[in-house]
Amino acid sequence: MSEKDLSKALRNIIEKELKGLSKILPKDVISNIQKKISPQIEEIIEQSGYVKKSKYDSLERIIDDLEDRVKNLEQD
């Protein structure tokens, strides 16, 4: 799941659950709630074995770099 998709899904969940309150609360309050809840939800998702695409790409680059370093050490 891409970072954009995850953010969109989280936003939809929060908006759905807080729809009744949105008539009472200002939109900036709902936005602040989303910002506070999102990291916790992402942590739960990662505990289930899923990661953001950006994190996956970063880890993949690190792995590729390490493999190249090992190959270079083996050649020397």
Protein backbone atom coordinates (compact mmCIF):
# COMPACT_ATOMS: atom_id res chain seq x y z
CA MET A 1 0.00 0.00 0.00
CA SER A 2 1.47 3.31 -1.02
CA GLU A 3 1.88 6.16 1.42
CA LYS A 4 -0.74 8.18 -0.45
CA ASP A 5 -3.24 5.29 -0.35
CA LEU A 6 -2.61 4.72 3.34
CA SER A 7 -3.13 8.38 4.16
CA LYS A 8 -6.32 8.45 2.10
CA ALA A 9 -7.65 5.32 3.80
CA LEU A 10 -6.88 6.71 7.25
CA ARG A 11 -8.54 9.98 6.38
CA ASN A 12 -11.65 8.19 5.14
CA ILE A 13 -11.87 6.10 8.31
CA ILE A 14 -11.47 9.10 10.57
CA GLU A 15 -13.97 11.18 8.60
CA LYS A 16 -16.49 8.34 8.64
CA GLU A 17 -16.20 7.78 12.38
CA LEU A 18 -16.26 11.48 13.22
CA LYS A 19 -18.93 12.47 10.69
CA GLY A 20 -21.47 13.25 13.39
CA LEU A 21 -18.97 15.32 15.32
CA SER A 22 -17.80 17.20 12.23
CA LYS A 23 -20.97 19.27 12.33
CA ILE A 24 -20.07 20.40 15.84
CA LEU A 25 -16.25 20.53 15.67
CA PRO A 26 -14.22 22.78 13.37
CA LYS A 27 -12.39 21.07 10.50
CA ASP A 28 -8.97 21.94 11.93
CA VAL A 29 -9.79 19.92 15.06
CA ILE A 30 -10.57 16.87 12.91
CA SER A 31 -7.34 17.42 10.98
CA ASN A 32 -5.37 17.58 14.24
CA ILE A 33 -7.00 14.36 15.43
CA GLN A 34 -6.00 12.68 12.17
CA LYS A 35 -2.39 13.82 12.58
CA LYS A 36 -2.26 12.39 16.09
CA ILE A 37 -3.94 9.09 15.25
CA SER A 38 -2.19 8.35 11.93
CA PRO A 39 1.21 7.36 13.40
CA GLN A 40 -0.45 4.96 15.82
CA ILE A 41 -2.50 3.34 13.08
CA GLU A 42 0.57 3.06 10.85
CA GLU A 43 2.40 1.32 13.69
CA ILE A 44 -0.43 -1.19 14.02
CA ILE A 45 -0.37 -1.80 10.27
CA GLU A 46 3.42 -2.35 10.35
CA GLN A 47 3.02 -4.84 13.20
CA SER A 48 0.77 -6.81 10.84
CA GLY A 49 3.66 -7.06 8.37
CA TYR A 50 2.84 -4.19 6.02
CA VAL A 51 5.03 -1.15 5.37
CA LYS A 52 4.69 2.02 3.34
CA LYS A 53 6.04 1.92 -0.18
CA SER A 54 8.56 4.65 0.65
CA LYS A 55 9.93 2.61 3.57
CA TYR A 56 10.06 -0.52 1.42
CA ASP A 57 11.96 1.34 -1.32
CA SER A 58 14.45 2.71 1.22
CA LEU A 59 15.09 -0.73 2.67
CA GLU A 60 15.48 -2.18 -0.82
CA ARG A 61 18.12 0.46 -1.68
CA ILE A 62 20.02 -0.31 1.52
CA ILE A 63 19.97 -4.03 0.73
CA ASP A 64 21.20 -3.41 -2.83
CA ASP A 65 24.04 -1.22 -1.54
CA LEU A 66 25.07 -3.85 1.02
CA GLU A 67 25.03 -6.59 -1.61
CA ASP A 68 27.27 -4.47 -3.86
CA ARG A 69 29.68 -3.88 -0.97
CA VAL A 70 29.86 -7.59 -0.21
CA LYS A 71 30.54 -8.39 -3.88
CA ASN A 72 33.33 -5.79 -3.95
CA LEU A 73 34.89 -7.23 -0.78
CA GLU A 74 34.74 -10.74 -2.21
CA GLN A 75 36.53 -9.59 -5.38
CA ASP A 76 39.37 -7.98 -3.41
